Amino acid sequence: MPEAALELDPGGAFAAAVYWVQALGEAYERGDTSVLRGLSLADCTYCVEQAGHIDTAYADGATITGGAYLVDTADATTLTGDDGFTYVELTAEADELVVHARSGEETQVGAAGQYRFQLKLLPQGRIWRVAGVFLERAE
């Protein structure tokens, strides 16, 4: 985790959000969801679902290519809410994501393009954890 993400202030929340988005892309390509799960709260539905899809695909003998995200930090916003959560909105350019079944057949394709992430973060212990994610196409 980047050192900046260890700061329990809005800048740290932003750095943690960027790191989480990058960890999602790496989990797709490597099939290892441990970092993604470690940065996510257990009640983050999107986090649990994505990690579960990745784990299931690899357990079934599939491979995943693509899915990496390049975060555009220029238009990101961070807001600390009255509810104790910090919210980060950012956009990222995604590579095409392709799931290849054990047979080699392409079973799922995620479109390349610009995506808008809205992440809800909460400091726990000494690190930020993602409590919720909303994702949509930015184009």
C-alpha atoms as a PDB file:
ATOM      1  CA  MET A   1       0.000   0.000   0.000  1.00  0.00           C
ATOM      2  CA  PRO A   2       1.322   3.442  -0.829  1.00  0.00           C
ATOM      3  CA  GLU A   3       2.521   5.356   2.208  1.00  0.00           C
ATOM      4  CA  ALA A   4       0.157   8.233   1.413  1.00  0.00           C
ATOM      5  CA  ALA A   5      -2.790   5.827   1.837  1.00  0.00           C
ATOM      6  CA  LEU A   6      -1.796   5.297   5.466  1.00  0.00           C
ATOM      7  CA  GLU A   7      -2.653   8.899   6.357  1.00  0.00           C
ATOM      8  CA  LEU A   8      -6.096   9.030   7.973  1.00  0.00           C
ATOM      9  CA  ASP A   9      -7.110  12.252   6.246  1.00  0.00           C
ATOM     10  CA  PRO A  10      -8.852  13.032   2.919  1.00  0.00           C
ATOM     11  CA  GLY A  11      -5.562  12.732   1.020  1.00  0.00           C
ATOM     12  CA  GLY A  12      -5.026   9.285   2.496  1.00  0.00           C
ATOM     13  CA  ALA A  13      -8.571   8.273   1.541  1.00  0.00           C
ATOM     14  CA  PHE A  14      -7.902   9.401  -2.017  1.00  0.00           C
ATOM     15  CA  ALA A  15      -4.635   7.432  -2.201  1.00  0.00           C
ATOM     16  CA  ALA A  16      -6.382   4.358  -0.766  1.00  0.00           C
ATOM     17  CA  ALA A  17      -9.196   4.667  -3.326  1.00  0.00           C
ATOM     18  CA  VAL A  18      -6.715   4.826  -6.211  1.00  0.00           C
ATOM     19  CA  TYR A  19      -4.863   1.824  -4.803  1.00  0.00           C
ATOM     20  CA  TRP A  20      -8.126  -0.141  -4.456  1.00  0.00           C
ATOM     21  CA  VAL A  21      -9.083   0.514  -8.106  1.00  0.00           C
ATOM     22  CA  GLN A  22      -5.622  -0.611  -9.239  1.00  0.00           C
ATOM     23  CA  ALA A  23      -5.845  -3.692  -6.973  1.00  0.00           C
ATOM     24  CA  LEU A  24      -9.144  -4.632  -8.645  1.00  0.00           C
ATOM     25  CA  GLY A  25      -7.463  -4.634 -12.056  1.00  0.00           C
ATOM     26  CA  GLU A  26      -4.521  -6.657 -10.753  1.00  0.00           C
ATOM     27  CA  ALA A  27      -6.884  -9.193  -9.147  1.00  0.00           C
ATOM     28  CA  TYR A  28      -8.534  -9.771 -12.542  1.00  0.00           C
ATOM     29  CA  GLU A  29      -5.224 -10.529 -14.227  1.00  0.00           C
ATOM     30  CA  ARG A  30      -3.562 -12.524 -11.437  1.00  0.00           C
ATOM     31  CA  GLY A  31      -6.530 -14.291  -9.886  1.00  0.00           C
ATOM     32  CA  ASP A  32      -5.357 -13.279  -6.416  1.00  0.00           C
ATOM     33  CA  THR A  33      -8.024 -11.330  -4.533  1.00  0.00           C
ATOM     34  CA  SER A  34      -6.206 -11.144  -1.189  1.00  0.00           C
ATOM     35  CA  VAL A  35      -5.177  -7.471  -1.530  1.00  0.00           C
ATOM     36  CA  LEU A  36      -8.630  -6.495  -2.780  1.00  0.00           C
ATOM     37  CA  ARG A  37     -10.311  -8.315   0.111  1.00  0.00           C
ATOM     38  CA  GLY A  38      -7.844  -6.856   2.620  1.00  0.00           C
ATOM     39  CA  LEU A  39      -8.725  -3.327   1.522  1.00  0.00           C
ATOM     40  CA  SER A  40     -12.485  -3.946   1.591  1.00  0.00           C
ATOM     41  CA  LEU A  41     -14.976  -4.205   4.412  1.00  0.00           C
ATOM     42  CA  ALA A  42     -16.933  -7.465   4.547  1.00  0.00           C
ATOM     43  CA  ASP A  43     -20.212  -5.600   4.023  1.00  0.00           C
ATOM     44  CA  CYS A  44     -19.071  -3.932   0.788  1.00  0.00           C
ATOM     45  CA  THR A  45     -21.402  -5.754  -1.599  1.00  0.00           C
ATOM     46  CA  TYR A  46     -19.576  -4.721  -4.776  1.00  0.00           C
ATOM     47  CA  CYS A  47     -16.190  -5.666  -3.296  1.00  0.00           C
ATOM     48  CA  VAL A  48     -17.367  -9.107  -2.178  1.00  0.00           C
ATOM     49  CA  GLU A  49     -19.132  -9.787  -5.490  1.00  0.00           C
ATOM     50  CA  GLN A  50     -16.133  -8.836  -7.637  1.00  0.00           C
ATOM     51  CA  ALA A  51     -13.702 -10.867  -5.526  1.00  0.00           C
ATOM     52  CA  GLY A  52     -16.124 -13.808  -5.644  1.00  0.00           C
ATOM     53  CA  HIS A  53     -16.444 -13.629  -9.455  1.00  0.00           C
ATOM     54  CA  ILE A  54     -12.670 -13.582  -9.806  1.00  0.00           C
ATOM     55  CA  ASP A  55     -12.170 -16.459  -7.347  1.00  0.00           C
ATOM     56  CA  THR A  56     -14.855 -18.561  -9.061  1.00  0.00           C
ATOM     57  CA  ALA A  57     -13.488 -17.952 -12.550  1.00  0.00           C
ATOM     58  CA  TYR A  58      -9.978 -19.023 -11.612  1.00  0.00           C
ATOM     59  CA  ALA A  59     -11.219 -21.977  -9.519  1.00  0.00           C
ATOM     60  CA  ASP A  60     -13.121 -23.200 -12.596  1.00  0.00           C
ATOM     61  CA  GLY A  61      -9.901 -23.146 -14.615  1.00  0.00           C
ATOM     62  CA  ALA A  62     -10.601 -19.893 -16.444  1.00  0.00           C
ATOM     63  CA  THR A  63      -8.119 -17.117 -17.015  1.00  0.00           C
ATOM     64  CA  ILE A  64      -8.778 -13.405 -17.270  1.00  0.00           C
ATOM     65  CA  THR A  65      -6.899 -11.010 -19.516  1.00  0.00           C
ATOM     66  CA  GLY A  66      -7.116  -7.250 -19.331  1.00  0.00           C
ATOM     67  CA  GLY A  67      -9.195  -5.383 -16.819  1.00  0.00           C
ATOM     68  CA  ALA A  68      -6.426  -3.039 -15.684  1.00  0.00           C
ATOM     69  CA  TYR A  69      -7.394   0.518 -14.734  1.00  0.00           C
ATOM     70  CA  LEU A  70      -5.410   3.697 -15.312  1.00  0.00           C
ATOM     71  CA  VAL A  71      -6.760   6.255 -12.841  1.00  0.00           C
ATOM     72  CA  ASP A  72      -7.112   9.882 -13.948  1.00  0.00           C
ATOM     73  CA  THR A  73      -6.356  11.858 -10.813  1.00  0.00           C
ATOM     74  CA  ALA A  74      -6.953  15.262 -12.411  1.00  0.00           C
ATOM     75  CA  ASP A  75     -10.726  15.328 -11.914  1.00  0.00           C
ATOM     76  CA  ALA A  76     -11.004  13.330  -8.685  1.00  0.00           C
ATOM     77  CA  THR A  77     -12.954  14.674  -5.733  1.00  0.00           C
ATOM     78  CA  THR A  78     -12.887  13.741  -2.051  1.00  0.00           C
ATOM     79  CA  LEU A  79     -15.619  14.617   0.432  1.00  0.00           C
ATOM     80  CA  THR A  80     -15.860  13.780   4.119  1.00  0.00           C
ATOM     81  CA  GLY A  81     -19.478  13.115   5.037  1.00  0.00           C
ATOM     82  CA  ASP A  82     -21.338  13.743   8.283  1.00  0.00           C
ATOM     83  CA  ASP A  83     -21.882   9.970   8.483  1.00  0.00           C
ATOM     84  CA  GLY A  84     -18.202   9.264   9.292  1.00  0.00           C
ATOM     85  CA  PHE A  85     -17.388   8.011   5.793  1.00  0.00           C
ATOM     86  CA  THR A  86     -15.139   9.665   3.238  1.00  0.00           C
ATOM     87  CA  TYR A  87     -16.265   9.580  -0.391  1.00  0.00           C
ATOM     88  CA  VAL A  88     -13.914   9.606  -3.363  1.00  0.00           C
ATOM     89  CA  GLU A  89     -15.063  10.003  -6.953  1.00  0.00           C
ATOM     90  CA  LEU A  90     -12.591   9.356  -9.739  1.00  0.00           C
ATOM     91  CA  THR A  91     -12.464   8.229 -13.339  1.00  0.00           C
ATOM     92  CA  ALA A  92     -10.309   5.494 -14.772  1.00  0.00           C
ATOM     93  CA  GLU A  93      -9.557   4.173 -18.231  1.00  0.00           C
ATOM     94  CA  ALA A  94     -10.188   0.421 -18.329  1.00  0.00           C
ATOM     95  CA  ASP A  95      -8.608  -2.142 -20.610  1.00  0.00           C
ATOM     96  CA  GLU A  96     -10.965  -4.641 -22.215  1.00  0.00           C
ATOM     97  CA  LEU A  97     -11.534  -7.537 -19.836  1.00  0.00           C
ATOM     98  CA  VAL A  98     -11.915 -11.034 -21.302  1.00  0.00           C
ATOM     99  CA  VAL A  99     -12.683 -14.212 -19.367  1.00  0.00           C
ATOM    100  CA  HIS A 100     -11.352 -17.321 -21.108  1.00  0.00           C
ATOM    101  CA  ALA A 101     -12.918 -20.613 -20.078  1.00  0.00           C
ATOM    102  CA  ARG A 102     -10.686 -23.633 -19.534  1.00  0.00           C
ATOM    103  CA  SER A 103     -11.528 -24.627 -23.150  1.00  0.00           C
ATOM    104  CA  GLY A 104     -10.146 -21.284 -24.377  1.00  0.00           C
ATOM    105  CA  GLU A 105     -13.577 -19.970 -25.313  1.00  0.00           C
ATOM    106  CA  GLU A 106     -14.247 -16.314 -24.460  1.00  0.00           C
ATOM    107  CA  THR A 107     -17.143 -16.477 -22.011  1.00  0.00           C
ATOM    108  CA  GLN A 108     -17.366 -12.855 -20.902  1.00  0.00           C
ATOM    109  CA  VAL A 109     -16.115  -9.538 -22.200  1.00  0.00           C
ATOM    110  CA  GLY A 110     -16.019  -6.251 -20.311  1.00  0.00           C
ATOM    111  CA  ALA A 111     -15.795  -3.197 -22.531  1.00  0.00           C
ATOM    112  CA  ALA A 112     -12.757  -0.954 -22.520  1.00  0.00           C
ATOM    113  CA  GLY A 113     -13.387   2.721 -21.841  1.00  0.00           C
ATOM    114  CA  GLN A 114     -13.782   5.412 -19.230  1.00  0.00           C
ATOM    115  CA  TYR A 115     -15.485   4.466 -15.956  1.00  0.00           C
ATOM    116  CA  ARG A 116     -16.527   6.614 -13.018  1.00  0.00           C
ATOM    117  CA  PHE A 117     -15.955   5.129  -9.580  1.00  0.00           C
ATOM    118  CA  GLN A 118     -17.590   6.432  -6.436  1.00  0.00           C
ATOM    119  CA  LEU A 119     -15.959   4.815  -3.421  1.00  0.00           C
ATOM    120  CA  LYS A 120     -17.118   5.021   0.188  1.00  0.00           C
ATOM    121  CA  LEU A 121     -14.230   4.619   2.634  1.00  0.00           C
ATOM    122  CA  LEU A 122     -13.887   4.238   6.373  1.00  0.00           C
ATOM    123  CA  PRO A 123     -10.684   4.331   8.412  1.00  0.00           C
ATOM    124  CA  GLN A 124     -10.212   1.127  10.399  1.00  0.00           C
ATOM    125  CA  GLY A 125      -7.197   0.756  12.578  1.00  0.00           C
ATOM    126  CA  ARG A 126      -4.350   2.340  10.656  1.00  0.00           C
ATOM    127  CA  ILE A 127      -5.724   1.974   7.118  1.00  0.00           C
ATOM    128  CA  TRP A 128      -8.655   2.998   4.945  1.00  0.00           C
ATOM    129  CA  ARG A 129     -11.073   0.271   3.875  1.00  0.00           C
ATOM    130  CA  VAL A 130     -13.627   0.440   1.087  1.00  0.00           C
ATOM    131  CA  ALA A 131     -17.192   0.187   2.406  1.00  0.00           C
ATOM    132  CA  GLY A 132     -19.032   0.658  -0.885  1.00  0.00           C
ATOM    133  CA  VAL A 133     -18.497   1.141  -4.608  1.00  0.00           C
ATOM    134  CA  PHE A 134     -20.701   2.573  -7.324  1.00  0.00           C
ATOM    135  CA  LEU A 135     -19.397   2.162 -10.874  1.00  0.00           C
ATOM    136  CA  GLU A 136     -20.736   3.482 -14.168  1.00  0.00           C
ATOM    137  CA  ARG A 137     -19.534   4.181 -17.692  1.00  0.00           C
ATOM    138  CA  ALA A 138     -18.258   7.756 -17.921  1.00  0.00           C
ATOM    139  CA  GLU A 139     -18.798   8.029 -21.667  1.00  0.00           C
END
